[in-house]
Amino acid sequence: MPETFSLFPAGWQSAALAVAFILLIVDAFAARRMQTKIRQLTNALNYMSQGVSTFDSSARVVVCNQSYLRMYSLSPDVVNPGCTLRALIEHRKKTGVFTGDPEKYCKEILDSIAGGKITKWTIRGSDDRVVHAINHPMPDGGWVATHEDVTEQRLLLQQRDDIAEQQKRRGAVDAVIAS
């Protein structure tokens, strides 16, 4: 019978197989724990009221949550990991939520990210919704964008200002009547 090569001394093959089996079980357990943590993180992102999207240094989507997709009426078939910023903005334009020039808008975002600047702006959609967006550059050249629908807050502020203006006019009329 020909002699076979073994990494282990005679009699240790069974022990080596047992150790390998245990390592496989430990690895499977670690993988399951990692899947659980990823699921928890995904749930946390998807239950946020803010829209969140992350881009890599090539201006491609890494991740975005369901709130972001809903806020801009975006299809997850189009906006998914790997989607370019330009394709995303073109898709927003097709949904009617974005009304500007996609090329100019993308250039402004990329220039601010390249400059390492946190940018904040208000986006007024064609549906009269108002979204406050903030881009946070990351050291690797990518960025995280948060989007919050502030339409209701803006309406409440406008109502408050209208009431204050009415009270001011009423006070002026009352002062004229009193004199």
N, C-alpha and C. Protein backbone atom coordinates (compact mmCIF):
# COMPACT_ATOMS: atom_id res chain seq x y z
N MET A 1 0.84 -1.17 0.00
CA MET A 1 0.00 0.00 0.00
C MET A 1 0.89 1.24 0.00
N PRO A 2 0.63 2.20 -0.93
CA PRO A 2 1.48 3.37 -1.00
C PRO A 2 1.30 4.26 0.22
N GLU A 3 2.38 4.93 0.57
CA GLU A 3 2.35 5.82 1.73
C GLU A 3 1.67 7.12 1.33
N THR A 4 0.73 7.63 2.17
CA THR A 4 0.03 8.87 1.87
C THR A 4 0.62 10.00 2.70
N PHE A 5 0.55 11.18 2.13
CA PHE A 5 1.08 12.35 2.81
C PHE A 5 0.01 12.92 3.73
N SER A 6 0.39 13.36 4.91
CA SER A 6 -0.54 13.96 5.86
C SER A 6 0.14 15.11 6.57
N LEU A 7 -0.61 16.17 6.81
CA LEU A 7 -0.09 17.30 7.56
C LEU A 7 0.02 16.97 9.05
N PHE A 8 -0.70 15.95 9.47
CA PHE A 8 -0.76 15.61 10.88
C PHE A 8 -0.08 14.27 11.13
N PRO A 9 0.51 14.13 12.31
CA PRO A 9 1.10 12.83 12.65
C PRO A 9 0.02 11.74 12.68
N ALA A 10 0.44 10.51 12.54
CA ALA A 10 -0.49 9.38 12.54
C ALA A 10 -1.41 9.45 13.76
N GLY A 11 -2.70 9.20 13.53
CA GLY A 11 -3.66 9.19 14.62
C GLY A 11 -4.28 10.55 14.90
N TRP A 12 -3.75 11.58 14.31
CA TRP A 12 -4.27 12.92 14.56
C TRP A 12 -5.32 13.34 13.52
N GLN A 13 -5.52 12.54 12.49
CA GLN A 13 -6.48 12.92 11.45
C GLN A 13 -7.88 13.07 12.04
N SER A 14 -8.28 12.19 12.90
CA SER A 14 -9.61 12.27 13.51
C SER A 14 -9.74 13.54 14.33
N ALA A 15 -8.71 13.88 15.08
CA ALA A 15 -8.75 15.10 15.90
C ALA A 15 -8.79 16.32 14.99
N ALA A 16 -8.03 16.28 13.91
CA ALA A 16 -8.01 17.41 12.98
C ALA A 16 -9.38 17.58 12.33
N LEU A 17 -10.02 16.48 11.96
CA LEU A 17 -11.35 16.55 11.39
C LEU A 17 -12.36 17.11 12.40
N ALA A 18 -12.23 16.70 13.64
CA ALA A 18 -13.13 17.20 14.68
C ALA A 18 -12.96 18.71 14.87
N VAL A 19 -11.69 19.15 14.89
CA VAL A 19 -11.41 20.59 15.04
C VAL A 19 -11.96 21.35 13.84
N ALA A 20 -11.76 20.80 12.64
CA ALA A 20 -12.27 21.45 11.43
C ALA A 20 -13.80 21.55 11.49
N PHE A 21 -14.45 20.50 11.94
CA PHE A 21 -15.91 20.50 12.06
C PHE A 21 -16.36 21.55 13.07
N ILE A 22 -15.68 21.64 14.19
CA ILE A 22 -16.02 22.64 15.21
C ILE A 22 -15.83 24.04 14.65
N LEU A 23 -14.75 24.25 13.90
CA LEU A 23 -14.52 25.56 13.30
C LEU A 23 -15.62 25.92 12.30
N LEU A 24 -16.09 24.94 11.55
CA LEU A 24 -17.19 25.18 10.62
C LEU A 24 -18.46 25.58 11.36
N ILE A 25 -18.72 24.92 12.48
CA ILE A 25 -19.91 25.26 13.28
C ILE A 25 -19.77 26.67 13.84
N VAL A 26 -18.60 27.01 14.36
CA VAL A 26 -18.37 28.34 14.91
C VAL A 26 -18.52 29.39 13.81
N ASP A 27 -17.97 29.08 12.63
CA ASP A 27 -18.08 30.01 11.50
C ASP A 27 -19.54 30.20 11.09
N ALA A 28 -20.30 29.13 11.06
CA ALA A 28 -21.72 29.21 10.71
C ALA A 28 -22.47 30.04 11.76
N PHE A 29 -22.13 29.86 13.02
CA PHE A 29 -22.76 30.63 14.09
C PHE A 29 -22.43 32.12 13.93
N ALA A 30 -21.16 32.42 13.63
CA ALA A 30 -20.75 33.82 13.43
C ALA A 30 -21.46 34.42 12.22
N ALA A 31 -21.62 33.65 11.17
CA ALA A 31 -22.32 34.14 9.98
C ALA A 31 -23.78 34.43 10.30
N ARG A 32 -24.40 33.56 11.08
CA ARG A 32 -25.80 33.78 11.46
C ARG A 32 -25.93 35.05 12.31
N ARG A 33 -24.99 35.25 13.23
CA ARG A 33 -25.02 36.46 14.06
C ARG A 33 -24.84 37.70 13.19
N MET A 34 -23.95 37.62 12.20
CA MET A 34 -23.72 38.75 11.30
C MET A 34 -24.98 39.03 10.49
N GLN A 35 -25.65 38.00 10.01
CA GLN A 35 -26.90 38.18 9.26
C GLN A 35 -27.96 38.84 10.13
N THR A 36 -28.03 38.46 11.38
CA THR A 36 -28.98 39.05 12.32
C THR A 36 -28.67 40.53 12.51
N LYS A 37 -27.41 40.86 12.69
CA LYS A 37 -27.02 42.26 12.88
C LYS A 37 -27.31 43.09 11.63
N ILE A 38 -27.06 42.53 10.46
CA ILE A 38 -27.36 43.24 9.22
C ILE A 38 -28.86 43.47 9.08
N ARG A 39 -29.66 42.46 9.42
CA ARG A 39 -31.12 42.59 9.36
C ARG A 39 -31.59 43.68 10.34
N GLN A 40 -31.00 43.72 11.54
CA GLN A 40 -31.38 44.73 12.52
C GLN A 40 -31.03 46.13 12.02
N LEU A 41 -29.85 46.28 11.42
CA LEU A 41 -29.43 47.57 10.90
C LEU A 41 -30.34 47.99 9.74
N THR A 42 -30.66 47.06 8.86
CA THR A 42 -31.56 47.34 7.74
C THR A 42 -32.92 47.78 8.26
N ASN A 43 -33.45 47.09 9.25
CA ASN A 43 -34.74 47.48 9.83
C ASN A 43 -34.67 48.87 10.44
N ALA A 44 -33.59 49.16 11.16
CA ALA A 44 -33.44 50.48 11.77
C ALA A 44 -33.45 51.57 10.70
N LEU A 45 -32.72 51.35 9.62
CA LEU A 45 -32.68 52.34 8.53
C LEU A 45 -34.05 52.50 7.87
N ASN A 46 -34.73 51.40 7.66
CA ASN A 46 -36.02 51.46 6.96
C ASN A 46 -37.15 52.03 7.80
N TYR A 47 -37.02 52.02 9.13
CA TYR A 47 -38.07 52.58 9.98
C TYR A 47 -37.79 54.03 10.37
N MET A 48 -36.70 54.60 9.86
CA MET A 48 -36.41 56.02 10.11
C MET A 48 -37.38 56.88 9.31
N SER A 49 -37.74 58.03 9.86
CA SER A 49 -38.60 58.94 9.09
C SER A 49 -37.78 59.70 8.05
N GLN A 50 -36.50 59.91 8.30
CA GLN A 50 -35.63 60.56 7.34
C GLN A 50 -35.25 59.61 6.22
N GLY A 51 -35.08 60.17 5.04
CA GLY A 51 -34.52 59.39 3.95
C GLY A 51 -33.01 59.42 4.07
N VAL A 52 -32.38 58.27 3.88
CA VAL A 52 -30.92 58.19 3.97
C VAL A 52 -30.39 57.49 2.73
N SER A 53 -29.34 58.07 2.16
CA SER A 53 -28.65 57.42 1.05
C SER A 53 -27.15 57.63 1.23
N THR A 54 -26.40 56.60 0.88
CA THR A 54 -24.95 56.66 0.99
C THR A 54 -24.36 56.38 -0.38
N PHE A 55 -23.34 57.16 -0.73
CA PHE A 55 -22.68 57.02 -2.02
C PHE A 55 -21.20 56.74 -1.83
N ASP A 56 -20.61 55.99 -2.76
CA ASP A 56 -19.17 55.74 -2.68
C ASP A 56 -18.42 56.85 -3.44
N SER A 57 -17.11 56.75 -3.50
CA SER A 57 -16.30 57.79 -4.14
C SER A 57 -16.52 57.87 -5.65
N SER A 58 -17.16 56.87 -6.23
CA SER A 58 -17.49 56.90 -7.66
C SER A 58 -18.90 57.44 -7.90
N ALA A 59 -19.50 58.00 -6.87
CA ALA A 59 -20.86 58.56 -6.93
C ALA A 59 -21.89 57.50 -7.28
N ARG A 60 -21.72 56.32 -6.68
CA ARG A 60 -22.68 55.23 -6.87
C ARG A 60 -23.34 54.94 -5.53
N VAL A 61 -24.63 54.60 -5.59
CA VAL A 61 -25.38 54.28 -4.37
C VAL A 61 -24.78 53.05 -3.71
N VAL A 62 -24.53 53.16 -2.41
CA VAL A 62 -24.11 52.02 -1.61
C VAL A 62 -25.34 51.44 -0.92
N VAL A 63 -26.12 52.34 -0.32
CA VAL A 63 -27.33 51.93 0.37
C VAL A 63 -28.29 53.11 0.42
N CYS A 64 -29.58 52.83 0.42
CA CYS A 64 -30.58 53.86 0.69
C CYS A 64 -31.76 53.17 1.37
N ASN A 65 -32.45 53.92 2.19
CA ASN A 65 -33.55 53.31 2.93
C ASN A 65 -34.89 53.49 2.22
N GLN A 66 -35.90 52.82 2.74
CA GLN A 66 -37.23 52.86 2.14
C GLN A 66 -37.84 54.26 2.22
N SER A 67 -37.55 55.00 3.28
CA SER A 67 -38.08 56.36 3.41
C SER A 67 -37.58 57.24 2.27
N TYR A 68 -36.32 57.08 1.91
CA TYR A 68 -35.76 57.85 0.80
C TYR A 68 -36.49 57.51 -0.50
N LEU A 69 -36.69 56.24 -0.75
CA LEU A 69 -37.38 55.82 -1.97
C LEU A 69 -38.80 56.36 -2.01
N ARG A 70 -39.52 56.28 -0.88
CA ARG A 70 -40.90 56.78 -0.82
C ARG A 70 -40.96 58.29 -0.99
N MET A 71 -40.04 59.00 -0.35
CA MET A 71 -40.04 60.46 -0.35
C MET A 71 -39.96 61.01 -1.78
N TYR A 72 -39.21 60.34 -2.62
CA TYR A 72 -39.01 60.80 -3.99
C TYR A 72 -39.73 59.91 -5.02
N SER A 73 -40.60 59.03 -4.56
CA SER A 73 -41.34 58.13 -5.46
C SER A 73 -40.41 57.36 -6.38
N LEU A 74 -39.35 56.81 -5.81
CA LEU A 74 -38.33 56.11 -6.60
C LEU A 74 -38.57 54.60 -6.61
N SER A 75 -38.20 53.97 -7.70
CA SER A 75 -38.31 52.53 -7.83
C SER A 75 -37.05 51.85 -7.29
N PRO A 76 -37.20 50.84 -6.42
CA PRO A 76 -36.03 50.11 -5.94
C PRO A 76 -35.36 49.31 -7.06
N ASP A 77 -36.07 49.12 -8.18
CA ASP A 77 -35.46 48.44 -9.32
C ASP A 77 -34.44 49.33 -10.02
N VAL A 78 -34.61 50.65 -9.89
CA VAL A 78 -33.68 51.60 -10.50
C VAL A 78 -32.64 52.05 -9.47
N VAL A 79 -33.13 52.47 -8.31
CA VAL A 79 -32.24 53.00 -7.27
C VAL A 79 -31.89 51.87 -6.31
N ASN A 80 -30.74 51.28 -6.56
CA ASN A 80 -30.23 50.18 -5.75
C ASN A 80 -28.71 50.27 -5.74
N PRO A 81 -28.03 49.48 -4.94
CA PRO A 81 -26.57 49.57 -4.91
C PRO A 81 -25.96 49.48 -6.31
N GLY A 82 -25.09 50.45 -6.59
CA GLY A 82 -24.43 50.52 -7.90
C GLY A 82 -25.02 51.57 -8.82
N CYS A 83 -26.24 52.03 -8.52
CA CYS A 83 -26.88 53.06 -9.33
C CYS A 83 -26.06 54.35 -9.22
N THR A 84 -25.81 55.02 -10.34
CA THR A 84 -25.04 56.26 -10.30
C THR A 84 -25.91 57.41 -9.81
N LEU A 85 -25.25 58.43 -9.28
CA LEU A 85 -25.96 59.63 -8.85
C LEU A 85 -26.74 60.22 -10.02
N ARG A 86 -26.11 60.26 -11.17
CA ARG A 86 -26.78 60.83 -12.36
C ARG A 86 -28.05 60.05 -12.71
N ALA A 87 -27.97 58.71 -12.70
CA ALA A 87 -29.14 57.88 -13.01
C ALA A 87 -30.23 58.09 -11.96
N LEU A 88 -29.84 58.25 -10.70
CA LEU A 88 -30.81 58.49 -9.63
C LEU A 88 -31.53 59.82 -9.85
N ILE A 89 -30.78 60.87 -10.17
CA ILE A 89 -31.39 62.18 -10.36
C ILE A 89 -32.27 62.18 -11.62
N GLU A 90 -31.82 61.50 -12.66
CA GLU A 90 -32.66 61.37 -13.87
C GLU A 90 -33.97 60.66 -13.52
N HIS A 91 -33.89 59.63 -12.67
CA HIS A 91 -35.09 58.91 -12.26
C HIS A 91 -36.01 59.83 -11.44
N ARG A 92 -35.42 60.64 -10.56
CA ARG A 92 -36.23 61.61 -9.80
C ARG A 92 -36.92 62.58 -10.74
N LYS A 93 -36.24 62.98 -11.78
CA LYS A 93 -36.85 63.89 -12.77
C LYS A 93 -38.02 63.20 -13.46
N LYS A 94 -37.85 61.92 -13.80
CA LYS A 94 -38.93 61.18 -14.47
C LYS A 94 -40.14 61.02 -13.56
N THR A 95 -39.91 60.90 -12.25
CA THR A 95 -41.05 60.77 -11.33
C THR A 95 -41.75 62.10 -11.11
N GLY A 96 -41.12 63.20 -11.56
CA GLY A 96 -41.72 64.52 -11.43
C GLY A 96 -41.38 65.22 -10.13
N VAL A 97 -40.56 64.60 -9.29
CA VAL A 97 -40.22 65.22 -8.01
C VAL A 97 -39.06 66.20 -8.18
N PHE A 98 -38.19 65.96 -9.15
CA PHE A 98 -37.07 66.87 -9.40
C PHE A 98 -37.36 67.67 -10.66
N THR A 99 -37.19 69.00 -10.58
CA THR A 99 -37.52 69.85 -11.71
C THR A 99 -36.32 70.57 -12.31
N GLY A 100 -35.15 70.44 -11.71
CA GLY A 100 -33.98 71.17 -12.18
C GLY A 100 -33.22 70.47 -13.29
N ASP A 101 -31.99 70.93 -13.49
CA ASP A 101 -31.09 70.36 -14.49
C ASP A 101 -30.24 69.29 -13.82
N PRO A 102 -30.45 68.01 -14.17
CA PRO A 102 -29.72 66.92 -13.50
C PRO A 102 -28.20 67.07 -13.58
N GLU A 103 -27.68 67.49 -14.72
CA GLU A 103 -26.22 67.61 -14.87
C GLU A 103 -25.66 68.68 -13.93
N LYS A 104 -26.30 69.82 -13.89
CA LYS A 104 -25.86 70.91 -13.01
C LYS A 104 -25.96 70.50 -11.54
N TYR A 105 -27.07 69.87 -11.19
CA TYR A 105 -27.31 69.43 -9.81
C TYR A 105 -26.24 68.43 -9.37
N CYS A 106 -25.97 67.44 -10.22
CA CYS A 106 -24.94 66.44 -9.89
C CYS A 106 -23.58 67.10 -9.74
N LYS A 107 -23.26 68.04 -10.63
CA LYS A 107 -21.97 68.72 -10.56
C LYS A 107 -21.84 69.49 -9.25
N GLU A 108 -22.90 70.17 -8.85
CA GLU A 108 -22.87 70.92 -7.58
C GLU A 108 -22.62 69.98 -6.40
N ILE A 109 -23.29 68.85 -6.40
CA ILE A 109 -23.09 67.89 -5.31
C ILE A 109 -21.66 67.37 -5.31
N LEU A 110 -21.18 66.94 -6.46
CA LEU A 110 -19.84 66.36 -6.55
C LEU A 110 -18.76 67.40 -6.22
N ASP A 111 -18.96 68.64 -6.63
CA ASP A 111 -17.99 69.69 -6.29
C ASP A 111 -17.94 69.94 -4.79
N SER A 112 -19.11 69.96 -4.15
CA SER A 112 -19.12 70.20 -2.70
C SER A 112 -18.51 69.02 -1.94
N ILE A 113 -18.75 67.82 -2.41
CA ILE A 113 -18.17 66.64 -1.76
C ILE A 113 -16.65 66.66 -1.94
N ALA A 114 -16.20 66.97 -3.15
CA ALA A 114 -14.75 67.03 -3.43
C ALA A 114 -14.08 68.09 -2.55
N GLY A 115 -14.82 69.16 -2.25
CA GLY A 115 -14.28 70.21 -1.38
C GLY A 115 -14.39 69.87 0.10
N GLY A 116 -14.98 68.71 0.41
CA GLY A 116 -15.10 68.28 1.80
C GLY A 116 -16.11 69.08 2.60
N LYS A 117 -17.03 69.75 1.92
CA LYS A 117 -17.99 70.62 2.60
C LYS A 117 -19.29 69.88 2.90
N ILE A 118 -19.81 70.10 4.11
CA ILE A 118 -21.17 69.65 4.43
C ILE A 118 -22.10 70.66 3.77
N THR A 119 -23.01 70.17 2.97
CA THR A 119 -23.93 71.08 2.29
C THR A 119 -25.35 70.82 2.76
N LYS A 120 -26.10 71.91 2.86
CA LYS A 120 -27.51 71.85 3.27
C LYS A 120 -28.30 72.68 2.28
N TRP A 121 -29.43 72.17 1.87
CA TRP A 121 -30.28 72.92 0.98
C TRP A 121 -31.71 72.41 1.07
N THR A 122 -32.59 73.20 0.49
CA THR A 122 -34.00 72.85 0.47
C THR A 122 -34.39 72.51 -0.95
N ILE A 123 -35.10 71.41 -1.10
CA ILE A 123 -35.55 70.95 -2.41
C ILE A 123 -37.06 71.10 -2.45
N ARG A 124 -37.53 71.88 -3.40
CA ARG A 124 -38.98 72.03 -3.57
C ARG A 124 -39.37 71.18 -4.77
N GLY A 125 -40.21 70.19 -4.50
CA GLY A 125 -40.64 69.29 -5.56
C GLY A 125 -41.80 69.86 -6.35
N SER A 126 -42.04 69.27 -7.50
CA SER A 126 -43.16 69.72 -8.33
C SER A 126 -44.50 69.42 -7.66
N ASP A 127 -44.48 68.58 -6.63
CA ASP A 127 -45.72 68.26 -5.90
C ASP A 127 -45.91 69.16 -4.68
N ASP A 128 -45.15 70.27 -4.63
CA ASP A 128 -45.20 71.27 -3.55
C ASP A 128 -44.66 70.77 -2.21
N ARG A 129 -44.06 69.59 -2.20
CA ARG A 129 -43.42 69.15 -0.96
C ARG A 129 -42.06 69.83 -0.86
N VAL A 130 -41.62 70.03 0.38
CA VAL A 130 -40.33 70.66 0.64
C VAL A 130 -39.48 69.67 1.43
N VAL A 131 -38.28 69.41 0.92
CA VAL A 131 -37.38 68.46 1.57
C VAL A 131 -36.09 69.19 1.93
N HIS A 132 -35.66 69.01 3.17
CA HIS A 132 -34.38 69.56 3.62
C HIS A 132 -33.36 68.45 3.49
N ALA A 133 -32.31 68.71 2.71
CA ALA A 133 -31.28 67.69 2.46
C ALA A 133 -29.93 68.17 2.99
N ILE A 134 -29.15 67.21 3.50
CA ILE A 134 -27.80 67.49 3.99
C ILE A 134 -26.88 66.40 3.47
N ASN A 135 -25.76 66.82 2.87
CA ASN A 135 -24.74 65.88 2.43
C ASN A 135 -23.54 65.99 3.36
N HIS A 136 -23.10 64.85 3.88
CA HIS A 136 -21.94 64.78 4.76
C HIS A 136 -20.84 64.01 4.04
N PRO A 137 -19.75 64.69 3.61
CA PRO A 137 -18.66 63.97 2.95
C PRO A 137 -17.99 62.99 3.92
N MET A 138 -17.50 61.88 3.38
CA MET A 138 -16.75 60.90 4.16
C MET A 138 -15.30 60.92 3.70
N PRO A 139 -14.38 60.49 4.56
CA PRO A 139 -12.95 60.55 4.22
C PRO A 139 -12.57 59.79 2.94
N ASP A 140 -13.33 58.76 2.60
CA ASP A 140 -12.97 57.95 1.42
C ASP A 140 -13.47 58.55 0.11
N GLY A 141 -14.09 59.73 0.17
CA GLY A 141 -14.59 60.38 -1.05
C GLY A 141 -16.06 60.16 -1.28
N GLY A 142 -16.69 59.30 -0.53
CA GLY A 142 -18.13 59.10 -0.63
C GLY A 142 -18.86 60.09 0.26
N TRP A 143 -20.15 59.91 0.41
CA TRP A 143 -20.91 60.79 1.28
C TRP A 143 -22.21 60.13 1.73
N VAL A 144 -22.74 60.66 2.82
CA VAL A 144 -24.04 60.26 3.34
C VAL A 144 -24.97 61.44 3.16
N ALA A 145 -26.14 61.17 2.61
CA ALA A 145 -27.14 62.22 2.41
C ALA A 145 -28.37 61.89 3.26
N THR A 146 -28.85 62.88 3.99
CA THR A 146 -30.10 62.72 4.73
C THR A 146 -31.12 63.67 4.13
N HIS A 147 -32.36 63.21 4.09
CA HIS A 147 -33.45 63.98 3.49
C HIS A 147 -34.64 63.94 4.45
N GLU A 148 -35.15 65.12 4.77
CA GLU A 148 -36.29 65.18 5.68
C GLU A 148 -37.40 66.02 5.05
N ASP A 149 -38.58 65.46 4.98
CA ASP A 149 -39.73 66.18 4.44
C ASP A 149 -40.16 67.20 5.49
N VAL A 150 -39.99 68.48 5.17
CA VAL A 150 -40.32 69.56 6.11
C VAL A 150 -41.53 70.36 5.64
N THR A 151 -42.31 69.79 4.74
CA THR A 151 -43.48 70.47 4.19
C THR A 151 -44.43 70.92 5.29
N GLU A 152 -44.77 70.01 6.19
CA GLU A 152 -45.71 70.34 7.26
C GLU A 152 -45.15 71.42 8.18
N GLN A 153 -43.87 71.33 8.50
CA GLN A 153 -43.24 72.35 9.36
C GLN A 153 -43.29 73.72 8.68
N ARG A 154 -43.03 73.75 7.39
CA ARG A 154 -43.07 75.00 6.63
C ARG A 154 -44.47 75.59 6.63
N LEU A 155 -45.48 74.73 6.45
CA LEU A 155 -46.87 75.20 6.46
C LEU A 155 -47.23 75.78 7.82
N LEU A 156 -46.82 75.10 8.88
CA LEU A 156 -47.12 75.60 10.23
C LEU A 156 -46.43 76.93 10.49
N LEU A 157 -45.19 77.08 10.04
CA LEU A 157 -44.48 78.36 10.21
C LEU A 157 -45.18 79.46 9.42
N GLN A 158 -45.63 79.15 8.21
CA GLN A 158 -46.34 80.13 7.39
C GLN A 158 -47.64 80.53 8.06
N GLN A 159 -48.37 79.56 8.62
CA GLN A 159 -49.61 79.87 9.32
C GLN A 159 -49.34 80.76 10.52
N ARG A 160 -48.29 80.45 11.27
CA ARG A 160 -47.92 81.26 12.43
C ARG A 160 -47.60 82.69 12.01
N ASP A 161 -46.84 82.84 10.93
CA ASP A 161 -46.48 84.18 10.44
C ASP A 161 -47.72 84.93 9.96
N ASP A 162 -48.64 84.21 9.30
CA ASP A 162 -49.88 84.83 8.83
C ASP A 162 -50.72 85.33 10.01
N ILE A 163 -50.82 84.54 11.06
CA ILE A 163 -51.58 84.92 12.25
C ILE A 163 -50.94 86.13 12.92
N ALA A 164 -49.60 86.12 13.00
CA ALA A 164 -48.89 87.25 13.62
C ALA A 164 -49.12 88.52 12.81
N GLU A 165 -49.12 88.41 11.48
CA GLU A 165 -49.37 89.58 10.61
C GLU A 165 -50.81 90.07 10.79
N GLN A 166 -51.76 89.15 10.90
CA GLN A 166 -53.16 89.54 11.13
C GLN A 166 -53.30 90.28 12.45
N GLN A 167 -52.65 89.76 13.49
CA GLN A 167 -52.73 90.40 14.80
C GLN A 167 -52.09 91.78 14.77
N LYS A 168 -51.04 91.94 14.02
CA LYS A 168 -50.37 93.23 13.90
C LYS A 168 -51.30 94.23 13.20
N ARG A 169 -51.94 93.81 12.11
CA ARG A 169 -52.89 94.68 11.40
C ARG A 169 -54.08 95.02 12.29
N ARG A 170 -54.59 93.99 13.01
CA ARG A 170 -55.72 94.23 13.91
C ARG A 170 -55.33 95.24 14.99
N GLY A 171 -54.13 95.11 15.52
CA GLY A 171 -53.65 96.06 16.53
C GLY A 171 -53.58 97.48 15.98
N ALA A 172 -53.12 97.60 14.71
CA ALA A 172 -53.04 98.93 14.09
C ALA A 172 -54.44 99.51 13.89
N VAL A 173 -55.37 98.68 13.42
CA VAL A 173 -56.76 99.14 13.21
C VAL A 173 -57.38 99.53 14.56
N ASP A 174 -57.18 98.73 15.59
CA ASP A 174 -57.72 99.02 16.92
C ASP A 174 -57.13 100.34 17.46
N ALA A 175 -55.85 100.59 17.18
CA ALA A 175 -55.22 101.81 17.66
C ALA A 175 -55.81 103.03 16.95
N VAL A 176 -56.11 102.88 15.63
CA VAL A 176 -56.72 104.00 14.88
C VAL A 176 -58.13 104.25 15.40
N ILE A 177 -58.87 103.18 15.63
CA ILE A 177 -60.25 103.32 16.13
C ILE A 177 -60.25 103.97 17.51
N ALA A 178 -59.31 103.58 18.36
CA ALA A 178 -59.25 104.12 19.72
C ALA A 178 -58.87 105.59 19.75
N SER A 179 -58.18 106.07 18.72
CA SER A 179 -57.77 107.49 18.73
C SER A 179 -58.69 108.32 17.95
